[in-house]
Amino acid sequence: MKTEIEKRATLIEIKEYVEISKGVRSTGELGDKIKEQGLIFDTGNGCYVLTGCAHPGLAIIMDNALVYENIKGILGGLHDSREFEILTGLKIIALGHCTGHKEKLKEIFPSEFIEIKVGLCLDLK
């Protein structure tokens, strides 16, 4: 796949934590078997973590994101994570397709929970 991308664009691989542009950072490559990265968006009024499917584990992703301290929310998939306590105190918990325990999370965090569906728009300021 990398070869195909390189034919059409400049491929820049990110392995370590890095600022991609103003207010957008990558956690860097996380995980052993399935590698993923998280993105951290700084809105100027707090940070939000964007996950893929969270295969490396929610704790690993959040530990890497917490270098920014003011994490206000998480958006994406949480795979089969049961590390619910990590989400305590977040203002937005927007979860997508690969989250295994949506109903439980909705029960624990009723006012913070948002199910990600096509067309969802969030004002993160």
PDB file of N, CA and C in Angstrom:
ATOM      1  N   MET A   1       0.816  -1.182   0.000  1.00  0.00           N
ATOM      2  CA  MET A   1       0.000   0.000   0.000  1.00  0.00           C
ATOM      3  C   MET A   1       0.876   1.268   0.000  1.00  0.00           C
ATOM      4  N   LYS A   2       1.970   1.228   0.750  1.00  0.00           N
ATOM      5  CA  LYS A   2       2.845   2.394   0.796  1.00  0.00           C
ATOM      6  C   LYS A   2       3.384   2.741  -0.583  1.00  0.00           C
ATOM      7  N   THR A   3       3.717   1.722  -1.348  1.00  0.00           N
ATOM      8  CA  THR A   3       4.228   1.942  -2.695  1.00  0.00           C
ATOM      9  C   THR A   3       3.194   2.648  -3.560  1.00  0.00           C
ATOM     10  N   GLU A   4       1.955   2.239  -3.446  1.00  0.00           N
ATOM     11  CA  GLU A   4       0.877   2.876  -4.209  1.00  0.00           C
ATOM     12  C   GLU A   4       0.671   4.321  -3.791  1.00  0.00           C
ATOM     13  N   ILE A   5       0.743   4.581  -2.506  1.00  0.00           N
ATOM     14  CA  ILE A   5       0.590   5.958  -2.020  1.00  0.00           C
ATOM     15  C   ILE A   5       1.730   6.812  -2.540  1.00  0.00           C
ATOM     16  N   GLU A   6       2.949   6.284  -2.490  1.00  0.00           N
ATOM     17  CA  GLU A   6       4.114   7.045  -2.942  1.00  0.00           C
ATOM     18  C   GLU A   6       4.048   7.379  -4.430  1.00  0.00           C
ATOM     19  N   LYS A   7       3.325   6.597  -5.200  1.00  0.00           N
ATOM     20  CA  LYS A   7       3.141   6.897  -6.620  1.00  0.00           C
ATOM     21  C   LYS A   7       2.260   8.125  -6.823  1.00  0.00           C
ATOM     22  N   ARG A   8       1.405   8.417  -5.859  1.00  0.00           N
ATOM     23  CA  ARG A   8       0.405   9.462  -6.027  1.00  0.00           C
ATOM     24  C   ARG A   8       0.606  10.686  -5.129  1.00  0.00           C
ATOM     25  N   ALA A   9       1.428  10.535  -4.093  1.00  0.00           N
ATOM     26  CA  ALA A   9       1.573  11.624  -3.123  1.00  0.00           C
ATOM     27  C   ALA A   9       2.890  11.467  -2.369  1.00  0.00           C
ATOM     28  N   THR A  10       3.202  12.468  -1.586  1.00  0.00           N
ATOM     29  CA  THR A  10       4.368  12.385  -0.716  1.00  0.00           C
ATOM     30  C   THR A  10       3.956  11.658   0.555  1.00  0.00           C
ATOM     31  N   LEU A  11       4.598  10.557   0.831  1.00  0.00           N
ATOM     32  CA  LEU A  11       4.306   9.756   2.010  1.00  0.00           C
ATOM     33  C   LEU A  11       5.216  10.192   3.149  1.00  0.00           C
ATOM     34  N   ILE A  12       4.609  10.581   4.250  1.00  0.00           N
ATOM     35  CA  ILE A  12       5.363  10.936   5.435  1.00  0.00           C
ATOM     36  C   ILE A  12       4.916  10.002   6.549  1.00  0.00           C
ATOM     37  N   GLU A  13       5.806   9.142   6.985  1.00  0.00           N
ATOM     38  CA  GLU A  13       5.475   8.208   8.058  1.00  0.00           C
ATOM     39  C   GLU A  13       5.781   8.842   9.411  1.00  0.00           C
ATOM     40  N   ILE A  14       4.834   8.687  10.321  1.00  0.00           N
ATOM     41  CA  ILE A  14       4.997   9.233  11.665  1.00  0.00           C
ATOM     42  C   ILE A  14       5.107   8.058  12.628  1.00  0.00           C
ATOM     43  N   LYS A  15       6.230   7.974  13.294  1.00  0.00           N
ATOM     44  CA  LYS A  15       6.454   6.898  14.266  1.00  0.00           C
ATOM     45  C   LYS A  15       6.376   7.416  15.701  1.00  0.00           C
ATOM     46  N   GLU A  16       6.788   8.654  15.907  1.00  0.00           N
ATOM     47  CA  GLU A  16       6.864   9.243  17.238  1.00  0.00           C
ATOM     48  C   GLU A  16       5.841  10.354  17.380  1.00  0.00           C
ATOM     49  N   TYR A  17       5.610  10.760  18.615  1.00  0.00           N
ATOM     50  CA  TYR A  17       4.765  11.898  18.920  1.00  0.00           C
ATOM     51  C   TYR A  17       5.263  13.113  18.142  1.00  0.00           C
ATOM     52  N   VAL A  18       4.344  13.818  17.459  1.00  0.00           N
ATOM     53  CA  VAL A  18       4.755  14.970  16.659  1.00  0.00           C
ATOM     54  C   VAL A  18       3.584  15.929  16.473  1.00  0.00           C
ATOM     55  N   GLU A  19       3.909  17.221  16.336  1.00  0.00           N
ATOM     56  CA  GLU A  19       2.901  18.209  15.965  1.00  0.00           C
ATOM     57  C   GLU A  19       2.814  18.212  14.444  1.00  0.00           C
ATOM     58  N   ILE A  20       1.650  17.906  13.916  1.00  0.00           N
ATOM     59  CA  ILE A  20       1.444  17.836  12.468  1.00  0.00           C
ATOM     60  C   ILE A  20       1.215  19.236  11.907  1.00  0.00           C
ATOM     61  N   SER A  21       0.399  20.000  12.587  1.00  0.00           N
ATOM     62  CA  SER A  21       0.160  21.398  12.269  1.00  0.00           C
ATOM     63  C   SER A  21      -0.324  22.069  13.544  1.00  0.00           C
ATOM     64  N   LYS A  22      -0.508  23.382  13.490  1.00  0.00           N
ATOM     65  CA  LYS A  22      -0.908  24.109  14.698  1.00  0.00           C
ATOM     66  C   LYS A  22      -2.191  23.517  15.271  1.00  0.00           C
ATOM     67  N   GLY A  23      -2.094  23.017  16.504  1.00  0.00           N
ATOM     68  CA  GLY A  23      -3.258  22.466  17.182  1.00  0.00           C
ATOM     69  C   GLY A  23      -3.591  21.027  16.854  1.00  0.00           C
ATOM     70  N   VAL A  24      -2.789  20.375  16.010  1.00  0.00           N
ATOM     71  CA  VAL A  24      -3.034  18.968  15.650  1.00  0.00           C
ATOM     72  C   VAL A  24      -1.756  18.176  15.891  1.00  0.00           C
ATOM     73  N   ARG A  25      -1.860  17.176  16.769  1.00  0.00           N
ATOM     74  CA  ARG A  25      -0.693  16.359  17.106  1.00  0.00           C
ATOM     75  C   ARG A  25      -1.021  14.880  16.977  1.00  0.00           C
ATOM     76  N   SER A  26      -0.002  14.094  16.724  1.00  0.00           N
ATOM     77  CA  SER A  26      -0.143  12.641  16.701  1.00  0.00           C
ATOM     78  C   SER A  26       0.487  12.062  17.958  1.00  0.00           C
ATOM     79  N   THR A  27      -0.117  11.008  18.479  1.00  0.00           N
ATOM     80  CA  THR A  27       0.481  10.299  19.607  1.00  0.00           C
ATOM     81  C   THR A  27       1.722   9.544  19.176  1.00  0.00           C
ATOM     82  N   GLY A  28       1.879   9.364  17.876  1.00  0.00           N
ATOM     83  CA  GLY A  28       2.913   8.491  17.357  1.00  0.00           C
ATOM     84  C   GLY A  28       2.362   7.075  17.306  1.00  0.00           C
ATOM     85  N   GLU A  29       3.143   6.190  16.783  1.00  0.00           N
ATOM     86  CA  GLU A  29       2.720   4.803  16.609  1.00  0.00           C
ATOM     87  C   GLU A  29       2.577   4.114  17.959  1.00  0.00           C
ATOM     88  N   LEU A  30       1.428   3.506  18.186  1.00  0.00           N
ATOM     89  CA  LEU A  30       1.147   2.804  19.443  1.00  0.00           C
ATOM     90  C   LEU A  30       0.741   1.370  19.141  1.00  0.00           C
ATOM     91  N   GLY A  31       1.018   0.479  20.076  1.00  0.00           N
ATOM     92  CA  GLY A  31       0.586  -0.906  19.938  1.00  0.00           C
ATOM     93  C   GLY A  31       1.682  -1.835  19.469  1.00  0.00           C
ATOM     94  N   ASP A  32       1.431  -3.128  19.682  1.00  0.00           N
ATOM     95  CA  ASP A  32       2.394  -4.147  19.295  1.00  0.00           C
ATOM     96  C   ASP A  32       1.987  -4.850  18.008  1.00  0.00           C
ATOM     97  N   LYS A  33       0.831  -5.507  18.049  1.00  0.00           N
ATOM     98  CA  LYS A  33       0.384  -6.288  16.891  1.00  0.00           C
ATOM     99  C   LYS A  33      -0.250  -5.394  15.831  1.00  0.00           C
ATOM    100  N   ILE A  34      -1.299  -4.698  16.206  1.00  0.00           N
ATOM    101  CA  ILE A  34      -1.964  -3.768  15.297  1.00  0.00           C
ATOM    102  C   ILE A  34      -1.550  -2.373  15.725  1.00  0.00           C
ATOM    103  N   LYS A  35      -0.825  -1.688  14.873  1.00  0.00           N
ATOM    104  CA  LYS A  35      -0.321  -0.364  15.212  1.00  0.00           C
ATOM    105  C   LYS A  35      -1.328   0.700  14.779  1.00  0.00           C
ATOM    106  N   GLU A  36      -1.535   1.669  15.661  1.00  0.00           N
ATOM    107  CA  GLU A  36      -2.430   2.786  15.380  1.00  0.00           C
ATOM    108  C   GLU A  36      -1.834   4.047  15.972  1.00  0.00           C
ATOM    109  N   GLN A  37      -2.394   5.163  15.559  1.00  0.00           N
ATOM    110  CA  GLN A  37      -2.047   6.444  16.143  1.00  0.00           C
ATOM    111  C   GLN A  37      -3.320   7.127  16.586  1.00  0.00           C
ATOM    112  N   GLY A  38      -3.202   7.958  17.578  1.00  0.00           N
ATOM    113  CA  GLY A  38      -4.299   8.825  17.963  1.00  0.00           C
ATOM    114  C   GLY A  38      -3.945  10.238  17.557  1.00  0.00           C
ATOM    115  N   LEU A  39      -4.950  11.047  17.283  1.00  0.00           N
ATOM    116  CA  LEU A  39      -4.732  12.463  16.998  1.00  0.00           C
ATOM    117  C   LEU A  39      -5.275  13.275  18.161  1.00  0.00           C
ATOM    118  N   ILE A  40      -4.594  14.344  18.474  1.00  0.00           N
ATOM    119  CA  ILE A  40      -5.047  15.245  19.527  1.00  0.00           C
ATOM    120  C   ILE A  40      -5.274  16.603  18.890  1.00  0.00           C
ATOM    121  N   PHE A  41      -6.501  17.112  19.007  1.00  0.00           N
ATOM    122  CA  PHE A  41      -6.858  18.413  18.471  1.00  0.00           C
ATOM    123  C   PHE A  41      -6.961  19.399  19.625  1.00  0.00           C
ATOM    124  N   ASP A  42      -6.196  20.467  19.553  1.00  0.00           N
ATOM    125  CA  ASP A  42      -6.255  21.514  20.568  1.00  0.00           C
ATOM    126  C   ASP A  42      -7.127  22.634  20.025  1.00  0.00           C
ATOM    127  N   THR A  43      -8.277  22.840  20.636  1.00  0.00           N
ATOM    128  CA  THR A  43      -9.217  23.858  20.166  1.00  0.00           C
ATOM    129  C   THR A  43      -8.913  25.225  20.758  1.00  0.00           C
ATOM    130  N   GLY A  44      -7.931  25.297  21.637  1.00  0.00           N
ATOM    131  CA  GLY A  44      -7.663  26.525  22.350  1.00  0.00           C
ATOM    132  C   GLY A  44      -8.495  26.609  23.625  1.00  0.00           C
ATOM    133  N   ASN A  45      -9.455  25.724  23.716  1.00  0.00           N
ATOM    134  CA  ASN A  45     -10.336  25.657  24.886  1.00  0.00           C
ATOM    135  C   ASN A  45     -10.366  24.226  25.419  1.00  0.00           C
ATOM    136  N   GLY A  46      -9.308  23.503  25.174  1.00  0.00           N
ATOM    137  CA  GLY A  46      -9.224  22.110  25.580  1.00  0.00           C
ATOM    138  C   GLY A  46      -8.867  21.232  24.398  1.00  0.00           C
ATOM    139  N   CYS A  47      -8.476  20.014  24.702  1.00  0.00           N
ATOM    140  CA  CYS A  47      -8.045  19.069  23.670  1.00  0.00           C
ATOM    141  C   CYS A  47      -9.019  17.901  23.557  1.00  0.00           C
ATOM    142  N   TYR A  48      -9.081  17.355  22.352  1.00  0.00           N
ATOM    143  CA  TYR A  48      -9.921  16.198  22.058  1.00  0.00           C
ATOM    144  C   TYR A  48      -9.067  15.137  21.399  1.00  0.00           C
ATOM    145  N   VAL A  49      -9.282  13.893  21.779  1.00  0.00           N
ATOM    146  CA  VAL A  49      -8.528  12.765  21.249  1.00  0.00           C
ATOM    147  C   VAL A  49      -9.384  12.063  20.206  1.00  0.00           C
ATOM    148  N   LEU A  50      -8.803  11.839  19.037  1.00  0.00           N
ATOM    149  CA  LEU A  50      -9.465  11.104  17.967  1.00  0.00           C
ATOM    150  C   LEU A  50      -8.787   9.749  17.843  1.00  0.00           C
ATOM    151  N   THR A  51      -9.563   8.693  18.032  1.00  0.00           N
ATOM    152  CA  THR A  51      -9.013   7.340  17.920  1.00  0.00           C
ATOM    153  C   THR A  51      -9.452   6.706  16.605  1.00  0.00           C
ATOM    154  N   GLY A  52      -8.771   5.629  16.243  1.00  0.00           N
ATOM    155  CA  GLY A  52      -9.234   4.792  15.143  1.00  0.00           C
ATOM    156  C   GLY A  52     -10.147   3.754  15.765  1.00  0.00           C
ATOM    157  N   CYS A  53      -9.607   2.578  15.964  1.00  0.00           N
ATOM    158  CA  CYS A  53     -10.361   1.507  16.627  1.00  0.00           C
ATOM    159  C   CYS A  53      -9.818   1.212  18.023  1.00  0.00           C
ATOM    160  N   ALA A  54      -8.772   1.878  18.413  1.00  0.00           N
ATOM    161  CA  ALA A  54      -8.169   1.747  19.747  1.00  0.00           C
ATOM    162  C   ALA A  54      -7.661   0.336  20.040  1.00  0.00           C
ATOM    163  N   HIS A  55      -7.139  -0.327  19.034  1.00  0.00           N
ATOM    164  CA  HIS A  55      -6.563  -1.650  19.256  1.00  0.00           C
ATOM    165  C   HIS A  55      -5.429  -1.660  20.280  1.00  0.00           C
ATOM    166  N   PRO A  56      -4.577  -0.621  20.344  1.00  0.00           N
ATOM    167  CA  PRO A  56      -3.506  -0.644  21.353  1.00  0.00           C
ATOM    168  C   PRO A  56      -4.027  -0.569  22.785  1.00  0.00           C
ATOM    169  N   GLY A  57      -5.254  -0.143  22.953  1.00  0.00           N
ATOM    170  CA  GLY A  57      -5.845  -0.017  24.281  1.00  0.00           C
ATOM    171  C   GLY A  57      -6.093   1.436  24.631  1.00  0.00           C
ATOM    172  N   LEU A  58      -7.219   1.677  25.270  1.00  0.00           N
ATOM    173  CA  LEU A  58      -7.608   3.030  25.636  1.00  0.00           C
ATOM    174  C   LEU A  58      -6.599   3.663  26.585  1.00  0.00           C
ATOM    175  N   ALA A  59      -6.102   2.907  27.543  1.00  0.00           N
ATOM    176  CA  ALA A  59      -5.145   3.446  28.518  1.00  0.00           C
ATOM    177  C   ALA A  59      -3.881   3.935  27.830  1.00  0.00           C
ATOM    178  N   ILE A  60      -3.366   3.189  26.891  1.00  0.00           N
ATOM    179  CA  ILE A  60      -2.147   3.577  26.178  1.00  0.00           C
ATOM    180  C   ILE A  60      -2.385   4.854  25.372  1.00  0.00           C
ATOM    181  N   ILE A  61      -3.511   4.922  24.687  1.00  0.00           N
ATOM    182  CA  ILE A  61      -3.823   6.105  23.882  1.00  0.00           C
ATOM    183  C   ILE A  61      -3.969   7.331  24.775  1.00  0.00           C
ATOM    184  N   MET A  62      -4.735   7.205  25.839  1.00  0.00           N
ATOM    185  CA  MET A  62      -4.966   8.350  26.725  1.00  0.00           C
ATOM    186  C   MET A  62      -3.698   8.757  27.472  1.00  0.00           C
ATOM    187  N   ASP A  63      -2.886   7.791  27.886  1.00  0.00           N
ATOM    188  CA  ASP A  63      -1.621   8.135  28.541  1.00  0.00           C
ATOM    189  C   ASP A  63      -0.739   8.972  27.622  1.00  0.00           C
ATOM    190  N   ASN A  64      -0.736   8.640  26.341  1.00  0.00           N
ATOM    191  CA  ASN A  64       0.064   9.397  25.378  1.00  0.00           C
ATOM    192  C   ASN A  64      -0.556  10.754  25.072  1.00  0.00           C
ATOM    193  N   ALA A  65      -1.867  10.850  25.129  1.00  0.00           N
ATOM    194  CA  ALA A  65      -2.551  12.114  24.871  1.00  0.00           C
ATOM    195  C   ALA A  65      -2.495  13.049  26.063  1.00  0.00           C
ATOM    196  N   LEU A  66      -2.402  12.513  27.258  1.00  0.00           N
ATOM    197  CA  LEU A  66      -2.476  13.328  28.467  1.00  0.00           C
ATOM    198  C   LEU A  66      -1.285  14.255  28.678  1.00  0.00           C
ATOM    199  N   VAL A  67      -0.289  14.179  27.819  1.00  0.00           N
ATOM    200  CA  VAL A  67       0.801  15.149  27.909  1.00  0.00           C
ATOM    201  C   VAL A  67       0.255  16.560  27.674  1.00  0.00           C
ATOM    202  N   TYR A  68      -0.927  16.660  27.104  1.00  0.00           N
ATOM    203  CA  TYR A  68      -1.569  17.952  26.852  1.00  0.00           C
ATOM    204  C   TYR A  68      -2.457  18.370  27.994  1.00  0.00           C
ATOM    205  N   GLU A  69      -2.595  17.548  28.988  1.00  0.00           N
ATOM    206  CA  GLU A  69      -3.358  17.795  30.207  1.00  0.00           C
ATOM    207  C   GLU A  69      -4.843  18.026  29.992  1.00  0.00           C
ATOM    208  N   ASN A  70      -5.251  19.082  29.352  1.00  0.00           N
ATOM    209  CA  ASN A  70      -6.648  19.497  29.309  1.00  0.00           C
ATOM    210  C   ASN A  70      -7.463  18.711  28.264  1.00  0.00           C
ATOM    211  N   ILE A  71      -7.588  17.406  28.449  1.00  0.00           N
ATOM    212  CA  ILE A  71      -8.373  16.571  27.540  1.00  0.00           C
ATOM    213  C   ILE A  71      -9.846  16.715  27.920  1.00  0.00           C
ATOM    214  N   LYS A  72     -10.651  17.194  26.976  1.00  0.00           N
ATOM    215  CA  LYS A  72     -12.080  17.416  27.229  1.00  0.00           C
ATOM    216  C   LYS A  72     -12.960  16.316  26.653  1.00  0.00           C
ATOM    217  N   GLY A  73     -12.424  15.570  25.675  1.00  0.00           N
ATOM    218  CA  GLY A  73     -13.274  14.558  25.078  1.00  0.00           C
ATOM    219  C   GLY A  73     -12.511  13.574  24.223  1.00  0.00           C
ATOM    220  N   ILE A  74     -13.235  12.547  23.825  1.00  0.00           N
ATOM    221  CA  ILE A  74     -12.682  11.506  22.962  1.00  0.00           C
ATOM    222  C   ILE A  74     -13.696  11.224  21.865  1.00  0.00           C
ATOM    223  N   LEU A  75     -13.208  10.982  20.660  1.00  0.00           N
ATOM    224  CA  LEU A  75     -14.058  10.689  19.518  1.00  0.00           C
ATOM    225  C   LEU A  75     -13.445   9.521  18.766  1.00  0.00           C
ATOM    226  N   GLY A  76     -14.245   8.552  18.409  1.00  0.00           N
ATOM    227  CA  GLY A  76     -13.748   7.422  17.627  1.00  0.00           C
ATOM    228  C   GLY A  76     -14.227   6.103  18.165  1.00  0.00           C
ATOM    229  N   GLY A  77     -13.460   5.080  17.900  1.00  0.00           N
ATOM    230  CA  GLY A  77     -13.797   3.747  18.357  1.00  0.00           C
ATOM    231  C   GLY A  77     -12.976   3.358  19.571  1.00  0.00           C
ATOM    232  N   LEU A  78     -13.537   2.506  20.401  1.00  0.00           N
ATOM    233  CA  LEU A  78     -12.828   2.026  21.593  1.00  0.00           C
ATOM    234  C   LEU A  78     -12.635   0.517  21.578  1.00  0.00           C
ATOM    235  N   HIS A  79     -12.870  -0.107  20.440  1.00  0.00           N
ATOM    236  CA  HIS A  79     -12.733  -1.548  20.268  1.00  0.00           C
ATOM    237  C   HIS A  79     -13.500  -2.272  21.385  1.00  0.00           C
ATOM    238  N   ASP A  80     -12.845  -3.102  22.146  1.00  0.00           N
ATOM    239  CA  ASP A  80     -13.517  -3.871  23.193  1.00  0.00           C
ATOM    240  C   ASP A  80     -13.105  -3.378  24.582  1.00  0.00           C
ATOM    241  N   SER A  81     -12.671  -2.116  24.663  1.00  0.00           N
ATOM    242  CA  SER A  81     -12.176  -1.584  25.929  1.00  0.00           C
ATOM    243  C   SER A  81     -13.240  -1.621  27.015  1.00  0.00           C
ATOM    244  N   ARG A  82     -12.807  -2.002  28.191  1.00  0.00           N
ATOM    245  CA  ARG A  82     -13.653  -1.968  29.381  1.00  0.00           C
ATOM    246  C   ARG A  82     -13.050  -1.025  30.422  1.00  0.00           C
ATOM    247  N   GLU A  83     -12.161  -0.174  29.968  1.00  0.00           N
ATOM    248  CA  GLU A  83     -11.457   0.760  30.849  1.00  0.00           C
ATOM    249  C   GLU A  83     -12.292   2.034  31.014  1.00  0.00           C
ATOM    250  N   PHE A  84     -13.533   1.853  31.447  1.00  0.00           N
ATOM    251  CA  PHE A  84     -14.500   2.941  31.505  1.00  0.00           C
ATOM    252  C   PHE A  84     -14.063   4.089  32.399  1.00  0.00           C
ATOM    253  N   GLU A  85     -13.369   3.792  33.497  1.00  0.00           N
ATOM    254  CA  GLU A  85     -12.979   4.824  34.458  1.00  0.00           C
ATOM    255  C   GLU A  85     -12.073   5.879  33.830  1.00  0.00           C
ATOM    256  N   ILE A  86     -11.352   5.534  32.788  1.00  0.00           N
ATOM    257  CA  ILE A  86     -10.466   6.475  32.106  1.00  0.00           C
ATOM    258  C   ILE A  86     -11.259   7.632  31.502  1.00  0.00           C
ATOM    259  N   LEU A  87     -12.520   7.398  31.195  1.00  0.00           N
ATOM    260  CA  LEU A  87     -13.355   8.403  30.544  1.00  0.00           C
ATOM    261  C   LEU A  87     -14.012   9.371  31.529  1.00  0.00           C
ATOM    262  N   THR A  88     -13.898   9.092  32.815  1.00  0.00           N
ATOM    263  CA  THR A  88     -14.506   9.941  33.838  1.00  0.00           C
ATOM    264  C   THR A  88     -13.967  11.364  33.740  1.00  0.00           C
ATOM    265  N   GLY A  89     -14.864  12.330  33.745  1.00  0.00           N
ATOM    266  CA  GLY A  89     -14.483  13.733  33.700  1.00  0.00           C
ATOM    267  C   GLY A  89     -14.467  14.346  32.314  1.00  0.00           C
ATOM    268  N   LEU A  90     -14.581  13.511  31.275  1.00  0.00           N
ATOM    269  CA  LEU A  90     -14.621  14.058  29.917  1.00  0.00           C
ATOM    270  C   LEU A  90     -15.976  14.701  29.650  1.00  0.00           C
ATOM    271  N   LYS A  91     -15.992  15.723  28.821  1.00  0.00           N
ATOM    272  CA  LYS A  91     -17.233  16.430  28.474  1.00  0.00           C
ATOM    273  C   LYS A  91     -17.951  15.767  27.299  1.00  0.00           C
ATOM    274  N   ILE A  92     -17.172  15.169  26.389  1.00  0.00           N
ATOM    275  CA  ILE A  92     -17.737  14.502  25.213  1.00  0.00           C
ATOM    276  C   ILE A  92     -17.110  13.126  25.084  1.00  0.00           C
ATOM    277  N   ILE A  93     -17.961  12.122  24.939  1.00  0.00           N
ATOM    278  CA  ILE A  93     -17.522  10.752  24.665  1.00  0.00           C
ATOM    279  C   ILE A  93     -18.308  10.326  23.435  1.00  0.00           C
ATOM    280  N   ALA A  94     -17.742  10.604  22.256  1.00  0.00           N
ATOM    281  CA  ALA A  94     -18.405  10.324  20.981  1.00  0.00           C
ATOM    282  C   ALA A  94     -17.811   9.049  20.407  1.00  0.00           C
ATOM    283  N   LEU A  95     -18.628   8.011  20.327  1.00  0.00           N
ATOM    284  CA  LEU A  95     -18.106   6.683  19.997  1.00  0.00           C
ATOM    285  C   LEU A  95     -18.665   6.151  18.690  1.00  0.00           C
ATOM    286  N   GLY A  96     -17.787   5.457  17.977  1.00  0.00           N
ATOM    287  CA  GLY A  96     -18.116   4.976  16.647  1.00  0.00           C
ATOM    288  C   GLY A  96     -18.264   3.485  16.517  1.00  0.00           C
ATOM    289  N   HIS A  97     -18.143   3.061  15.289  1.00  0.00           N
ATOM    290  CA  HIS A  97     -18.517   1.721  14.832  1.00  0.00           C
ATOM    291  C   HIS A  97     -17.885   0.564  15.594  1.00  0.00           C
ATOM    292  N   CYS A  98     -16.663   0.677  16.022  1.00  0.00           N
ATOM    293  CA  CYS A  98     -15.996  -0.494  16.589  1.00  0.00           C
ATOM    294  C   CYS A  98     -15.975  -0.484  18.116  1.00  0.00           C
ATOM    295  N   THR A  99     -16.860   0.272  18.724  1.00  0.00           N
ATOM    296  CA  THR A  99     -16.938   0.298  20.179  1.00  0.00           C
ATOM    297  C   THR A  99     -17.834  -0.846  20.638  1.00  0.00           C
ATOM    298  N   GLY A 100     -17.276  -1.731  21.444  1.00  0.00           N
ATOM    299  CA  GLY A 100     -17.990  -2.940  21.825  1.00  0.00           C
ATOM    300  C   GLY A 100     -19.012  -2.795  22.935  1.00  0.00           C
ATOM    301  N   HIS A 101     -18.949  -1.756  23.711  1.00  0.00           N
ATOM    302  CA  HIS A 101     -19.823  -1.647  24.885  1.00  0.00           C
ATOM    303  C   HIS A 101     -20.578  -0.317  24.899  1.00  0.00           C
ATOM    304  N   LYS A 102     -21.146   0.048  23.770  1.00  0.00           N
ATOM    305  CA  LYS A 102     -21.826   1.339  23.657  1.00  0.00           C
ATOM    306  C   LYS A 102     -22.956   1.492  24.671  1.00  0.00           C
ATOM    307  N   GLU A 103     -23.773   0.463  24.829  1.00  0.00           N
ATOM    308  CA  GLU A 103     -24.916   0.577  25.742  1.00  0.00           C
ATOM    309  C   GLU A 103     -24.456   0.787  27.185  1.00  0.00           C
ATOM    310  N   LYS A 104     -23.408   0.102  27.594  1.00  0.00           N
ATOM    311  CA  LYS A 104     -22.873   0.260  28.939  1.00  0.00           C
ATOM    312  C   LYS A 104     -22.293   1.671  29.118  1.00  0.00           C
ATOM    313  N   LEU A 105     -21.571   2.144  28.115  1.00  0.00           N
ATOM    314  CA  LEU A 105     -20.991   3.476  28.182  1.00  0.00           C
ATOM    315  C   LEU A 105     -22.078   4.551  28.193  1.00  0.00           C
ATOM    316  N   LYS A 106     -23.130   4.326  27.442  1.00  0.00           N
ATOM    317  CA  LYS A 106     -24.263   5.253  27.431  1.00  0.00           C
ATOM    318  C   LYS A 106     -24.941   5.294  28.804  1.00  0.00           C
ATOM    319  N   GLU A 107     -24.980   4.149  29.457  1.00  0.00           N
ATOM    320  CA  GLU A 107     -25.563   4.058  30.799  1.00  0.00           C
ATOM    321  C   GLU A 107     -24.688   4.780  31.835  1.00  0.00           C
ATOM    322  N   ILE A 108     -23.379   4.600  31.746  1.00  0.00           N
ATOM    323  CA  ILE A 108     -22.456   5.199  32.708  1.00  0.00           C
ATOM    324  C   ILE A 108     -22.301   6.705  32.481  1.00  0.00           C
ATOM    325  N   PHE A 109     -22.277   7.121  31.210  1.00  0.00           N
ATOM    326  CA  PHE A 109     -22.041   8.523  30.850  1.00  0.00           C
ATOM    327  C   PHE A 109     -23.197   9.066  29.998  1.00  0.00           C
ATOM    328  N   PRO A 110     -24.404   9.138  30.550  1.00  0.00           N
ATOM    329  CA  PRO A 110     -25.569   9.515  29.735  1.00  0.00           C
ATOM    330  C   PRO A 110     -25.501  10.911  29.118  1.00  0.00           C
ATOM    331  N   SER A 111     -24.955  11.885  29.816  1.00  0.00           N
ATOM    332  CA  SER A 111     -24.935  13.244  29.264  1.00  0.00           C
ATOM    333  C   SER A 111     -23.716  13.510  28.378  1.00  0.00           C
ATOM    334  N   GLU A 112     -22.673  12.698  28.498  1.00  0.00           N
ATOM    335  CA  GLU A 112     -21.461  12.878  27.706  1.00  0.00           C
ATOM    336  C   GLU A 112     -21.474  12.040  26.428  1.00  0.00           C
ATOM    337  N   PHE A 113     -22.247  10.962  26.431  1.00  0.00           N
ATOM    338  CA  PHE A 113     -22.238   9.987  25.339  1.00  0.00           C
ATOM    339  C   PHE A 113     -22.901  10.537  24.078  1.00  0.00           C
ATOM    340  N   ILE A 114     -22.220  10.365  22.956  1.00  0.00           N
ATOM    341  CA  ILE A 114     -22.764  10.688  21.630  1.00  0.00           C
ATOM    342  C   ILE A 114     -22.399   9.522  20.724  1.00  0.00           C
ATOM    343  N   GLU A 115     -23.373   8.987  20.026  1.00  0.00           N
ATOM    344  CA  GLU A 115     -23.058   7.930  19.056  1.00  0.00           C
ATOM    345  C   GLU A 115     -22.706   8.578  17.728  1.00  0.00           C
ATOM    346  N   ILE A 116     -21.552   8.227  17.210  1.00  0.00           N
ATOM    347  CA  ILE A 116     -21.106   8.786  15.938  1.00  0.00           C
ATOM    348  C   ILE A 116     -21.873   8.084  14.816  1.00  0.00           C
ATOM    349  N   LYS A 117     -22.550   8.901  14.022  1.00  0.00           N
ATOM    350  CA  LYS A 117     -23.283   8.429  12.845  1.00  0.00           C
ATOM    351  C   LYS A 117     -22.963   9.359  11.680  1.00  0.00           C
ATOM    352  N   VAL A 118     -23.248   8.920  10.489  1.00  0.00           N
ATOM    353  CA  VAL A 118     -23.005   9.718   9.305  1.00  0.00           C
ATOM    354  C   VAL A 118     -23.656  11.085   9.458  1.00  0.00           C
ATOM    355  N   GLY A 119     -22.905  12.136   9.164  1.00  0.00           N
ATOM    356  CA  GLY A 119     -23.435  13.490   9.209  1.00  0.00           C
ATOM    357  C   GLY A 119     -23.277  14.183  10.548  1.00  0.00           C
ATOM    358  N   LEU A 120     -22.721  13.500  11.545  1.00  0.00           N
ATOM    359  CA  LEU A 120     -22.553  14.113  12.857  1.00  0.00           C
ATOM    360  C   LEU A 120     -21.620  15.323  12.773  1.00  0.00           C
ATOM    361  N   CYS A 121     -22.042  16.436  13.323  1.00  0.00           N
ATOM    362  CA  CYS A 121     -21.223  17.637  13.425  1.00  0.00           C
ATOM    363  C   CYS A 121     -21.144  18.030  14.895  1.00  0.00           C
ATOM    364  N   LEU A 122     -19.948  18.309  15.353  1.00  0.00           N
ATOM    365  CA  LEU A 122     -19.758  18.726  16.744  1.00  0.00           C
ATOM    366  C   LEU A 122     -19.011  20.047  16.780  1.00  0.00           C
ATOM    367  N   ASP A 123     -19.425  20.941  17.640  1.00  0.00           N
ATOM    368  CA  ASP A 123     -18.687  22.172  17.881  1.00  0.00           C
ATOM    369  C   ASP A 123     -17.807  21.916  19.097  1.00  0.00           C
ATOM    370  N   LEU A 124     -16.527  21.807  18.890  1.00  0.00           N
ATOM    371  CA  LEU A 124     -15.599  21.431  19.951  1.00  0.00           C
ATOM    372  C   LEU A 124     -14.946  22.622  20.630  1.00  0.00           C
ATOM    373  N   LYS A 125     -15.538  23.774  20.498  1.00  0.00           N
ATOM    374  CA  LYS A 125     -14.960  24.971  21.153  1.00  0.00           C
ATOM    375  C   LYS A 125     -15.570  25.206  22.491  1.00  0.00           C
TER     376      LYS A 125
END
